[in-house]
Amino acid sequence: MLSIFDSIPTHMDYKGQKLAEQIFQGIILVCAVIGFVYGLIVQQFGWTVLIVLTGFAVSCILTLPPWPMYRRHPLPWQPVIPESSGEPSQKSQETQKKKKHK
């Protein structure tokens, strides 16, 4: 059952995060202006709140899931360098010595 969830992507790249933030702020700003103007015209603050909350819900649906448009620029990671199979590497020996001294 849990293996089904492993196939679902749960990450965004940095440019995707920036795009999601811009979309979120744009939707909130537009809905706030529209809600304020409409609420002012009909003299009902409730409409202003309703329009802003609707914009918030729409922006959450568009920006919180990691849609494919937010994963277009993946980071190029360095390849894994396998350690020699017998002796621990210099770094791992130094790390073990530091842990022992603590």
PDB file of N, CA and C in Angstrom:
ATOM      1  N   MET A   1       0.826  -1.200   0.000  1.00  0.00           N
ATOM      2  CA  MET A   1       0.000   0.000   0.000  1.00  0.00           C
ATOM      3  C   MET A   1       0.864   1.255   0.000  1.00  0.00           C
ATOM      4  N   LEU A   2       1.904   1.271   0.807  1.00  0.00           N
ATOM      5  CA  LEU A   2       2.751   2.460   0.871  1.00  0.00           C
ATOM      6  C   LEU A   2       3.617   2.635  -0.367  1.00  0.00           C
ATOM      7  N   SER A   3       3.843   1.563  -1.120  1.00  0.00           N
ATOM      8  CA  SER A   3       4.654   1.683  -2.333  1.00  0.00           C
ATOM      9  C   SER A   3       3.953   2.529  -3.392  1.00  0.00           C
ATOM     10  N   ILE A   4       2.651   2.659  -3.302  1.00  0.00           N
ATOM     11  CA  ILE A   4       1.904   3.510  -4.233  1.00  0.00           C
ATOM     12  C   ILE A   4       2.339   4.966  -4.069  1.00  0.00           C
ATOM     13  N   PHE A   5       2.568   5.368  -2.821  1.00  0.00           N
ATOM     14  CA  PHE A   5       2.933   6.753  -2.548  1.00  0.00           C
ATOM     15  C   PHE A   5       4.362   7.077  -2.959  1.00  0.00           C
ATOM     16  N   ASP A   6       5.219   6.068  -3.111  1.00  0.00           N
ATOM     17  CA  ASP A   6       6.607   6.304  -3.517  1.00  0.00           C
ATOM     18  C   ASP A   6       6.701   6.815  -4.949  1.00  0.00           C
ATOM     19  N   SER A   7       5.728   6.483  -5.787  1.00  0.00           N
ATOM     20  CA  SER A   7       5.768   6.906  -7.182  1.00  0.00           C
ATOM     21  C   SER A   7       5.269   8.333  -7.387  1.00  0.00           C
ATOM     22  N   ILE A   8       4.682   8.941  -6.363  1.00  0.00           N
ATOM     23  CA  ILE A   8       4.155  10.301  -6.478  1.00  0.00           C
ATOM     24  C   ILE A   8       5.295  11.293  -6.224  1.00  0.00           C
ATOM     25  N   PRO A   9       5.573  12.195  -7.177  1.00  0.00           N
ATOM     26  CA  PRO A   9       6.649  13.168  -6.952  1.00  0.00           C
ATOM     27  C   PRO A   9       6.252  14.182  -5.886  1.00  0.00           C
ATOM     28  N   THR A  10       7.196  14.493  -5.017  1.00  0.00           N
ATOM     29  CA  THR A  10       6.899  15.409  -3.904  1.00  0.00           C
ATOM     30  C   THR A  10       7.875  16.577  -3.848  1.00  0.00           C
ATOM     31  N   HIS A  11       8.539  16.882  -4.936  1.00  0.00           N
ATOM     32  CA  HIS A  11       9.548  17.932  -4.908  1.00  0.00           C
ATOM     33  C   HIS A  11       9.281  18.989  -5.975  1.00  0.00           C
ATOM     34  N   MET A  12       9.873  20.159  -5.766  1.00  0.00           N
ATOM     35  CA  MET A  12       9.860  21.255  -6.729  1.00  0.00           C
ATOM     36  C   MET A  12      11.296  21.748  -6.853  1.00  0.00           C
ATOM     37  N   ASP A  13      11.657  22.225  -8.028  1.00  0.00           N
ATOM     38  CA  ASP A  13      12.978  22.834  -8.140  1.00  0.00           C
ATOM     39  C   ASP A  13      12.891  24.303  -7.721  1.00  0.00           C
ATOM     40  N   TYR A  14      14.040  24.960  -7.674  1.00  0.00           N
ATOM     41  CA  TYR A  14      14.071  26.332  -7.168  1.00  0.00           C
ATOM     42  C   TYR A  14      13.306  27.312  -8.055  1.00  0.00           C
ATOM     43  N   LYS A  15      13.425  27.149  -9.360  1.00  0.00           N
ATOM     44  CA  LYS A  15      12.675  28.027 -10.260  1.00  0.00           C
ATOM     45  C   LYS A  15      11.178  27.757 -10.143  1.00  0.00           C
ATOM     46  N   GLY A  16      10.804  26.514  -9.913  1.00  0.00           N
ATOM     47  CA  GLY A  16       9.406  26.174  -9.696  1.00  0.00           C
ATOM     48  C   GLY A  16       8.859  26.783  -8.420  1.00  0.00           C
ATOM     49  N   GLN A  17       9.692  26.825  -7.367  1.00  0.00           N
ATOM     50  CA  GLN A  17       9.275  27.454  -6.115  1.00  0.00           C
ATOM     51  C   GLN A  17       9.050  28.954  -6.310  1.00  0.00           C
ATOM     52  N   LYS A  18       9.930  29.563  -7.103  1.00  0.00           N
ATOM     53  CA  LYS A  18       9.784  30.995  -7.377  1.00  0.00           C
ATOM     54  C   LYS A  18       8.501  31.250  -8.176  1.00  0.00           C
ATOM     55  N   LEU A  19       8.233  30.419  -9.160  1.00  0.00           N
ATOM     56  CA  LEU A  19       7.022  30.562  -9.968  1.00  0.00           C
ATOM     57  C   LEU A  19       5.772  30.369  -9.104  1.00  0.00           C
ATOM     58  N   ALA A  20       5.789  29.366  -8.236  1.00  0.00           N
ATOM     59  CA  ALA A  20       4.647  29.117  -7.358  1.00  0.00           C
ATOM     60  C   ALA A  20       4.405  30.314  -6.439  1.00  0.00           C
ATOM     61  N   GLU A  21       5.471  30.897  -5.913  1.00  0.00           N
ATOM     62  CA  GLU A  21       5.337  32.072  -5.036  1.00  0.00           C
ATOM     63  C   GLU A  21       4.754  33.259  -5.806  1.00  0.00           C
ATOM     64  N   GLN A  22       5.199  33.470  -7.042  1.00  0.00           N
ATOM     65  CA  GLN A  22       4.682  34.571  -7.846  1.00  0.00           C
ATOM     66  C   GLN A  22       3.209  34.361  -8.185  1.00  0.00           C
ATOM     67  N   ILE A  23       2.838  33.131  -8.531  1.00  0.00           N
ATOM     68  CA  ILE A  23       1.436  32.838  -8.832  1.00  0.00           C
ATOM     69  C   ILE A  23       0.577  33.058  -7.594  1.00  0.00           C
ATOM     70  N   PHE A  24       1.041  32.565  -6.445  1.00  0.00           N
ATOM     71  CA  PHE A  24       0.310  32.715  -5.188  1.00  0.00           C
ATOM     72  C   PHE A  24       0.081  34.189  -4.863  1.00  0.00           C
ATOM     73  N   GLN A  25       1.147  34.982  -4.915  1.00  0.00           N
ATOM     74  CA  GLN A  25       1.021  36.401  -4.592  1.00  0.00           C
ATOM     75  C   GLN A  25       0.147  37.134  -5.596  1.00  0.00           C
ATOM     76  N   GLY A  26       0.257  36.786  -6.879  1.00  0.00           N
ATOM     77  CA  GLY A  26      -0.552  37.434  -7.904  1.00  0.00           C
ATOM     78  C   GLY A  26      -2.035  37.177  -7.723  1.00  0.00           C
ATOM     79  N   ILE A  27      -2.382  35.926  -7.453  1.00  0.00           N
ATOM     80  CA  ILE A  27      -3.793  35.594  -7.260  1.00  0.00           C
ATOM     81  C   ILE A  27      -4.352  36.290  -6.022  1.00  0.00           C
ATOM     82  N   ILE A  28      -3.599  36.276  -4.934  1.00  0.00           N
ATOM     83  CA  ILE A  28      -4.059  36.920  -3.703  1.00  0.00           C
ATOM     84  C   ILE A  28      -4.238  38.426  -3.923  1.00  0.00           C
ATOM     85  N   LEU A  29      -3.284  39.050  -4.609  1.00  0.00           N
ATOM     86  CA  LEU A  29      -3.358  40.494  -4.854  1.00  0.00           C
ATOM     87  C   LEU A  29      -4.568  40.844  -5.727  1.00  0.00           C
ATOM     88  N   VAL A  30      -4.750  40.103  -6.817  1.00  0.00           N
ATOM     89  CA  VAL A  30      -5.870  40.380  -7.722  1.00  0.00           C
ATOM     90  C   VAL A  30      -7.205  40.175  -6.996  1.00  0.00           C
ATOM     91  N   CYS A  31      -7.318  39.095  -6.240  1.00  0.00           N
ATOM     92  CA  CYS A  31      -8.571  38.838  -5.515  1.00  0.00           C
ATOM     93  C   CYS A  31      -8.809  39.868  -4.419  1.00  0.00           C
ATOM     94  N   ALA A  32      -7.754  40.340  -3.788  1.00  0.00           N
ATOM     95  CA  ALA A  32      -7.917  41.362  -2.752  1.00  0.00           C
ATOM     96  C   ALA A  32      -8.436  42.662  -3.359  1.00  0.00           C
ATOM     97  N   VAL A  33      -7.884  43.050  -4.507  1.00  0.00           N
ATOM     98  CA  VAL A  33      -8.338  44.287  -5.162  1.00  0.00           C
ATOM     99  C   VAL A  33      -9.780  44.136  -5.638  1.00  0.00           C
ATOM    100  N   ILE A  34     -10.069  43.023  -6.302  1.00  0.00           N
ATOM    101  CA  ILE A  34     -11.432  42.789  -6.780  1.00  0.00           C
ATOM    102  C   ILE A  34     -12.407  42.725  -5.604  1.00  0.00           C
ATOM    103  N   GLY A  35     -12.039  42.015  -4.555  1.00  0.00           N
ATOM    104  CA  GLY A  35     -12.901  41.902  -3.382  1.00  0.00           C
ATOM    105  C   GLY A  35     -13.133  43.237  -2.705  1.00  0.00           C
ATOM    106  N   PHE A  36     -12.078  44.051  -2.613  1.00  0.00           N
ATOM    107  CA  PHE A  36     -12.225  45.366  -1.983  1.00  0.00           C
ATOM    108  C   PHE A  36     -13.156  46.265  -2.788  1.00  0.00           C
ATOM    109  N   VAL A  37     -12.946  46.297  -4.107  1.00  0.00           N
ATOM    110  CA  VAL A  37     -13.770  47.150  -4.963  1.00  0.00           C
ATOM    111  C   VAL A  37     -15.224  46.672  -4.952  1.00  0.00           C
ATOM    112  N   TYR A  38     -15.437  45.365  -5.095  1.00  0.00           N
ATOM    113  CA  TYR A  38     -16.803  44.847  -5.093  1.00  0.00           C
ATOM    114  C   TYR A  38     -17.474  45.067  -3.738  1.00  0.00           C
ATOM    115  N   GLY A  39     -16.743  44.820  -2.654  1.00  0.00           N
ATOM    116  CA  GLY A  39     -17.295  45.048  -1.322  1.00  0.00           C
ATOM    117  C   GLY A  39     -17.629  46.507  -1.089  1.00  0.00           C
ATOM    118  N   LEU A  40     -16.831  47.395  -1.649  1.00  0.00           N
ATOM    119  CA  LEU A  40     -17.090  48.828  -1.525  1.00  0.00           C
ATOM    120  C   LEU A  40     -18.350  49.223  -2.302  1.00  0.00           C
ATOM    121  N   ILE A  41     -18.514  48.637  -3.488  1.00  0.00           N
ATOM    122  CA  ILE A  41     -19.674  48.960  -4.315  1.00  0.00           C
ATOM    123  C   ILE A  41     -20.967  48.487  -3.657  1.00  0.00           C
ATOM    124  N   VAL A  42     -20.991  47.253  -3.162  1.00  0.00           N
ATOM    125  CA  VAL A  42     -22.223  46.713  -2.574  1.00  0.00           C
ATOM    126  C   VAL A  42     -22.333  46.995  -1.080  1.00  0.00           C
ATOM    127  N   GLN A  43     -21.320  47.623  -0.502  1.00  0.00           N
ATOM    128  CA  GLN A  43     -21.307  47.986   0.916  1.00  0.00           C
ATOM    129  C   GLN A  43     -21.458  46.768   1.830  1.00  0.00           C
ATOM    130  N   GLN A  44     -20.783  45.670   1.454  1.00  0.00           N
ATOM    131  CA  GLN A  44     -20.803  44.442   2.249  1.00  0.00           C
ATOM    132  C   GLN A  44     -19.381  43.924   2.401  1.00  0.00           C
ATOM    133  N   PHE A  45     -18.848  43.992   3.622  1.00  0.00           N
ATOM    134  CA  PHE A  45     -17.494  43.512   3.876  1.00  0.00           C
ATOM    135  C   PHE A  45     -17.409  41.998   3.724  1.00  0.00           C
ATOM    136  N   GLY A  46     -18.518  41.316   3.914  1.00  0.00           N
ATOM    137  CA  GLY A  46     -18.552  39.867   3.773  1.00  0.00           C
ATOM    138  C   GLY A  46     -18.156  39.402   2.383  1.00  0.00           C
ATOM    139  N   TRP A  47     -18.569  40.146   1.367  1.00  0.00           N
ATOM    140  CA  TRP A  47     -18.186  39.812  -0.008  1.00  0.00           C
ATOM    141  C   TRP A  47     -16.683  39.949  -0.207  1.00  0.00           C
ATOM    142  N   THR A  48     -16.095  40.958   0.398  1.00  0.00           N
ATOM    143  CA  THR A  48     -14.644  41.142   0.297  1.00  0.00           C
ATOM    144  C   THR A  48     -13.924  39.933   0.883  1.00  0.00           C
ATOM    145  N   VAL A  49     -14.344  39.519   2.057  1.00  0.00           N
ATOM    146  CA  VAL A  49     -13.723  38.372   2.714  1.00  0.00           C
ATOM    147  C   VAL A  49     -13.937  37.108   1.894  1.00  0.00           C
ATOM    148  N   LEU A  50     -15.132  36.905   1.374  1.00  0.00           N
ATOM    149  CA  LEU A  50     -15.434  35.716   0.586  1.00  0.00           C
ATOM    150  C   LEU A  50     -14.578  35.652  -0.682  1.00  0.00           C
ATOM    151  N   ILE A  51     -14.419  36.762  -1.363  1.00  0.00           N
ATOM    152  CA  ILE A  51     -13.622  36.788  -2.593  1.00  0.00           C
ATOM    153  C   ILE A  51     -12.150  36.537  -2.282  1.00  0.00           C
ATOM    154  N   VAL A  52     -11.635  37.124  -1.215  1.00  0.00           N
ATOM    155  CA  VAL A  52     -10.232  36.908  -0.843  1.00  0.00           C
ATOM    156  C   VAL A  52     -10.012  35.450  -0.424  1.00  0.00           C
ATOM    157  N   LEU A  53     -10.920  34.876   0.335  1.00  0.00           N
ATOM    158  CA  LEU A  53     -10.782  33.475   0.733  1.00  0.00           C
ATOM    159  C   LEU A  53     -10.897  32.531  -0.459  1.00  0.00           C
ATOM    160  N   THR A  54     -11.742  32.867  -1.425  1.00  0.00           N
ATOM    161  CA  THR A  54     -11.824  32.072  -2.649  1.00  0.00           C
ATOM    162  C   THR A  54     -10.514  32.131  -3.417  1.00  0.00           C
ATOM    163  N   GLY A  55      -9.934  33.318  -3.512  1.00  0.00           N
ATOM    164  CA  GLY A  55      -8.627  33.461  -4.163  1.00  0.00           C
ATOM    165  C   GLY A  55      -7.548  32.680  -3.440  1.00  0.00           C
ATOM    166  N   PHE A  56      -7.607  32.676  -2.120  1.00  0.00           N
ATOM    167  CA  PHE A  56      -6.652  31.908  -1.330  1.00  0.00           C
ATOM    168  C   PHE A  56      -6.791  30.415  -1.622  1.00  0.00           C
ATOM    169  N   ALA A  57      -8.023  29.918  -1.675  1.00  0.00           N
ATOM    170  CA  ALA A  57      -8.251  28.493  -1.952  1.00  0.00           C
ATOM    171  C   ALA A  57      -7.762  28.116  -3.353  1.00  0.00           C
ATOM    172  N   VAL A  58      -8.059  28.971  -4.333  1.00  0.00           N
ATOM    173  CA  VAL A  58      -7.620  28.701  -5.708  1.00  0.00           C
ATOM    174  C   VAL A  58      -6.093  28.712  -5.785  1.00  0.00           C
ATOM    175  N   SER A  59      -5.468  29.676  -5.124  1.00  0.00           N
ATOM    176  CA  SER A  59      -4.010  29.746  -5.182  1.00  0.00           C
ATOM    177  C   SER A  59      -3.369  28.561  -4.463  1.00  0.00           C
ATOM    178  N   CYS A  60      -3.991  28.064  -3.409  1.00  0.00           N
ATOM    179  CA  CYS A  60      -3.466  26.876  -2.732  1.00  0.00           C
ATOM    180  C   CYS A  60      -3.546  25.654  -3.646  1.00  0.00           C
ATOM    181  N   ILE A  61      -4.647  25.512  -4.367  1.00  0.00           N
ATOM    182  CA  ILE A  61      -4.803  24.381  -5.282  1.00  0.00           C
ATOM    183  C   ILE A  61      -3.776  24.452  -6.405  1.00  0.00           C
ATOM    184  N   LEU A  62      -3.461  25.665  -6.859  1.00  0.00           N
ATOM    185  CA  LEU A  62      -2.520  25.820  -7.966  1.00  0.00           C
ATOM    186  C   LEU A  62      -1.057  25.737  -7.549  1.00  0.00           C
ATOM    187  N   THR A  63      -0.749  26.069  -6.300  1.00  0.00           N
ATOM    188  CA  THR A  63       0.665  26.187  -5.936  1.00  0.00           C
ATOM    189  C   THR A  63       1.168  25.157  -4.928  1.00  0.00           C
ATOM    190  N   LEU A  64       0.326  24.555  -4.126  1.00  0.00           N
ATOM    191  CA  LEU A  64       0.824  23.616  -3.122  1.00  0.00           C
ATOM    192  C   LEU A  64       1.229  22.253  -3.692  1.00  0.00           C
ATOM    193  N   PRO A  65       0.446  21.619  -4.558  1.00  0.00           N
ATOM    194  CA  PRO A  65       0.924  20.342  -5.114  1.00  0.00           C
ATOM    195  C   PRO A  65       2.106  20.577  -6.053  1.00  0.00           C
ATOM    196  N   PRO A  66       3.021  19.632  -6.134  1.00  0.00           N
ATOM    197  CA  PRO A  66       4.175  19.802  -7.038  1.00  0.00           C
ATOM    198  C   PRO A  66       3.802  19.458  -8.480  1.00  0.00           C
ATOM    199  N   TRP A  67       3.043  20.331  -9.115  1.00  0.00           N
ATOM    200  CA  TRP A  67       2.636  20.110 -10.502  1.00  0.00           C
ATOM    201  C   TRP A  67       3.871  20.029 -11.394  1.00  0.00           C
ATOM    202  N   PRO A  68       3.760  19.380 -12.575  1.00  0.00           N
ATOM    203  CA  PRO A  68       4.923  19.254 -13.470  1.00  0.00           C
ATOM    204  C   PRO A  68       5.520  20.597 -13.911  1.00  0.00           C
ATOM    205  N   MET A  69       4.720  21.652 -13.957  1.00  0.00           N
ATOM    206  CA  MET A  69       5.261  22.951 -14.365  1.00  0.00           C
ATOM    207  C   MET A  69       6.252  23.496 -13.338  1.00  0.00           C
ATOM    208  N   TYR A  70       6.251  22.956 -12.119  1.00  0.00           N
ATOM    209  CA  TYR A  70       7.191  23.386 -11.086  1.00  0.00           C
ATOM    210  C   TYR A  70       8.426  22.496 -11.027  1.00  0.00           C
ATOM    211  N   ARG A  71       8.517  21.508 -11.912  1.00  0.00           N
ATOM    212  CA  ARG A  71       9.650  20.584 -11.909  1.00  0.00           C
ATOM    213  C   ARG A  71      10.367  20.563 -13.251  1.00  0.00           C
ATOM    214  N   ARG A  72      10.409  21.676 -13.947  1.00  0.00           N
ATOM    215  CA  ARG A  72      11.014  21.728 -15.279  1.00  0.00           C
ATOM    216  C   ARG A  72      12.524  21.926 -15.263  1.00  0.00           C
ATOM    217  N   HIS A  73      13.080  22.419 -14.181  1.00  0.00           N
ATOM    218  CA  HIS A  73      14.502  22.741 -14.111  1.00  0.00           C
ATOM    219  C   HIS A  73      15.169  21.998 -12.950  1.00  0.00           C
ATOM    220  N   PRO A  74      15.359  20.681 -13.065  1.00  0.00           N
ATOM    221  CA  PRO A  74      15.978  19.942 -11.962  1.00  0.00           C
ATOM    222  C   PRO A  74      17.460  20.315 -11.819  1.00  0.00           C
ATOM    223  N   LEU A  75      17.964  20.194 -10.608  1.00  0.00           N
ATOM    224  CA  LEU A  75      19.365  20.488 -10.349  1.00  0.00           C
ATOM    225  C   LEU A  75      20.243  19.338 -10.835  1.00  0.00           C
ATOM    226  N   PRO A  76      21.370  19.666 -11.480  1.00  0.00           N
ATOM    227  CA  PRO A  76      22.290  18.593 -11.887  1.00  0.00           C
ATOM    228  C   PRO A  76      23.149  18.175 -10.690  1.00  0.00           C
ATOM    229  N   TRP A  77      22.885  17.017 -10.129  1.00  0.00           N
ATOM    230  CA  TRP A  77      23.636  16.540  -8.981  1.00  0.00           C
ATOM    231  C   TRP A  77      24.932  15.875  -9.436  1.00  0.00           C
ATOM    232  N   GLN A  78      25.914  15.889  -8.571  1.00  0.00           N
ATOM    233  CA  GLN A  78      27.173  15.212  -8.846  1.00  0.00           C
ATOM    234  C   GLN A  78      26.942  13.703  -8.772  1.00  0.00           C
ATOM    235  N   PRO A  79      27.654  12.933  -9.607  1.00  0.00           N
ATOM    236  CA  PRO A  79      27.479  11.479  -9.534  1.00  0.00           C
ATOM    237  C   PRO A  79      28.085  10.936  -8.235  1.00  0.00           C
ATOM    238  N   VAL A  80      27.548   9.818  -7.788  1.00  0.00           N
ATOM    239  CA  VAL A  80      28.039   9.178  -6.572  1.00  0.00           C
ATOM    240  C   VAL A  80      29.381   8.525  -6.865  1.00  0.00           C
ATOM    241  N   ILE A  81      30.355   8.780  -6.006  1.00  0.00           N
ATOM    242  CA  ILE A  81      31.673   8.170  -6.147  1.00  0.00           C
ATOM    243  C   ILE A  81      31.735   7.000  -5.161  1.00  0.00           C
ATOM    244  N   PRO A  82      31.821   5.787  -5.666  1.00  0.00           N
ATOM    245  CA  PRO A  82      31.842   4.645  -4.749  1.00  0.00           C
ATOM    246  C   PRO A  82      33.158   4.597  -3.980  1.00  0.00           C
ATOM    247  N   GLU A  83      33.082   4.232  -2.706  1.00  0.00           N
ATOM    248  CA  GLU A  83      34.280   4.092  -1.889  1.00  0.00           C
ATOM    249  C   GLU A  83      34.916   2.748  -2.175  1.00  0.00           C
ATOM    250  N   SER A  84      36.211   2.661  -1.949  1.00  0.00           N
ATOM    251  CA  SER A  84      36.883   1.375  -2.160  1.00  0.00           C
ATOM    252  C   SER A  84      36.367   0.379  -1.133  1.00  0.00           C
ATOM    253  N   SER A  85      36.218  -0.843  -1.542  1.00  0.00           N
ATOM    254  CA  SER A  85      35.587  -1.835  -0.675  1.00  0.00           C
ATOM    255  C   SER A  85      36.584  -2.439   0.298  1.00  0.00           C
ATOM    256  N   GLY A  86      37.146  -2.150   1.119  1.00  0.00           N
ATOM    257  CA  GLY A  86      38.005  -2.799   2.089  1.00  0.00           C
ATOM    258  C   GLY A  86      38.351  -1.834   3.177  1.00  0.00           C
ATOM    259  N   GLU A  87      38.977  -0.771   2.825  1.00  0.00           N
ATOM    260  CA  GLU A  87      39.410   0.197   3.819  1.00  0.00           C
ATOM    261  C   GLU A  87      38.486   1.412   3.793  1.00  0.00           C
ATOM    262  N   PRO A  88      38.189   1.943   4.956  1.00  0.00           N
ATOM    263  CA  PRO A  88      37.372   3.164   4.969  1.00  0.00           C
ATOM    264  C   PRO A  88      38.161   4.342   4.404  1.00  0.00           C
ATOM    265  N   SER A  89      37.450   5.294   3.877  1.00  0.00           N
ATOM    266  CA  SER A  89      38.100   6.451   3.270  1.00  0.00           C
ATOM    267  C   SER A  89      38.699   7.359   4.340  1.00  0.00           C
ATOM    268  N   GLN A  90      39.517   8.307   3.915  1.00  0.00           N
ATOM    269  CA  GLN A  90      40.172   9.256   4.825  1.00  0.00           C
ATOM    270  C   GLN A  90      39.139  10.058   5.602  1.00  0.00           C
ATOM    271  N   LYS A  91      38.083  10.519   4.926  1.00  0.00           N
ATOM    272  CA  LYS A  91      37.056  11.324   5.594  1.00  0.00           C
ATOM    273  C   LYS A  91      36.326  10.524   6.664  1.00  0.00           C
ATOM    274  N   SER A  92      35.967   9.294   6.343  1.00  0.00           N
ATOM    275  CA  SER A  92      35.226   8.503   7.322  1.00  0.00           C
ATOM    276  C   SER A  92      36.091   8.169   8.530  1.00  0.00           C
ATOM    277  N   GLN A  93      37.406   8.005   8.340  1.00  0.00           N
ATOM    278  CA  GLN A  93      38.299   7.759   9.473  1.00  0.00           C
ATOM    279  C   GLN A  93      38.374   8.985  10.376  1.00  0.00           C
ATOM    280  N   GLU A  94      38.470  10.177   9.761  1.00  0.00           N
ATOM    281  CA  GLU A  94      38.531  11.413  10.540  1.00  0.00           C
ATOM    282  C   GLU A  94      37.222  11.632  11.296  1.00  0.00           C
ATOM    283  N   THR A  95      36.113  11.318  10.666  1.00  0.00           N
ATOM    284  CA  THR A  95      34.814  11.480  11.307  1.00  0.00           C
ATOM    285  C   THR A  95      34.685  10.543  12.506  1.00  0.00           C
ATOM    286  N   GLN A  96      35.150   9.315  12.351  1.00  0.00           N
ATOM    287  CA  GLN A  96      35.085   8.357  13.452  1.00  0.00           C
ATOM    288  C   GLN A  96      35.965   8.795  14.614  1.00  0.00           C
ATOM    289  N   LYS A  97      37.148   9.370  14.323  1.00  0.00           N
ATOM    290  CA  LYS A  97      38.039   9.848  15.379  1.00  0.00           C
ATOM    291  C   LYS A  97      37.396  11.000  16.145  1.00  0.00           C
ATOM    292  N   LYS A  98      36.746  11.914  15.424  1.00  0.00           N
ATOM    293  CA  LYS A  98      36.085  13.053  16.083  1.00  0.00           C
ATOM    294  C   LYS A  98      34.948  12.571  16.984  1.00  0.00           C
ATOM    295  N   LYS A  99      34.201  11.571  16.538  1.00  0.00           N
ATOM    296  CA  LYS A  99      33.115  11.049  17.351  1.00  0.00           C
ATOM    297  C   LYS A  99      33.622  10.389  18.618  1.00  0.00           C
ATOM    298  N   LYS A 100      34.762   9.706  18.525  1.00  0.00           N
ATOM    299  CA  LYS A 100      35.328   9.036  19.692  1.00  0.00           C
ATOM    300  C   LYS A 100      35.806  10.048  20.726  1.00  0.00           C
ATOM    301  N   HIS A 101      36.345  11.180  20.279  1.00  0.00           N
ATOM    302  CA  HIS A 101      36.871  12.194  21.201  1.00  0.00           C
ATOM    303  C   HIS A 101      35.758  12.936  21.929  1.00  0.00           C
ATOM    304  N   LYS A 102      34.589  12.943  21.384  1.00  0.00           N
ATOM    305  CA  LYS A 102      33.471  13.656  22.032  1.00  0.00           C
ATOM    306  C   LYS A 102      32.955  12.852  23.123  1.00  0.00           C
TER     307      LYS A 102
END
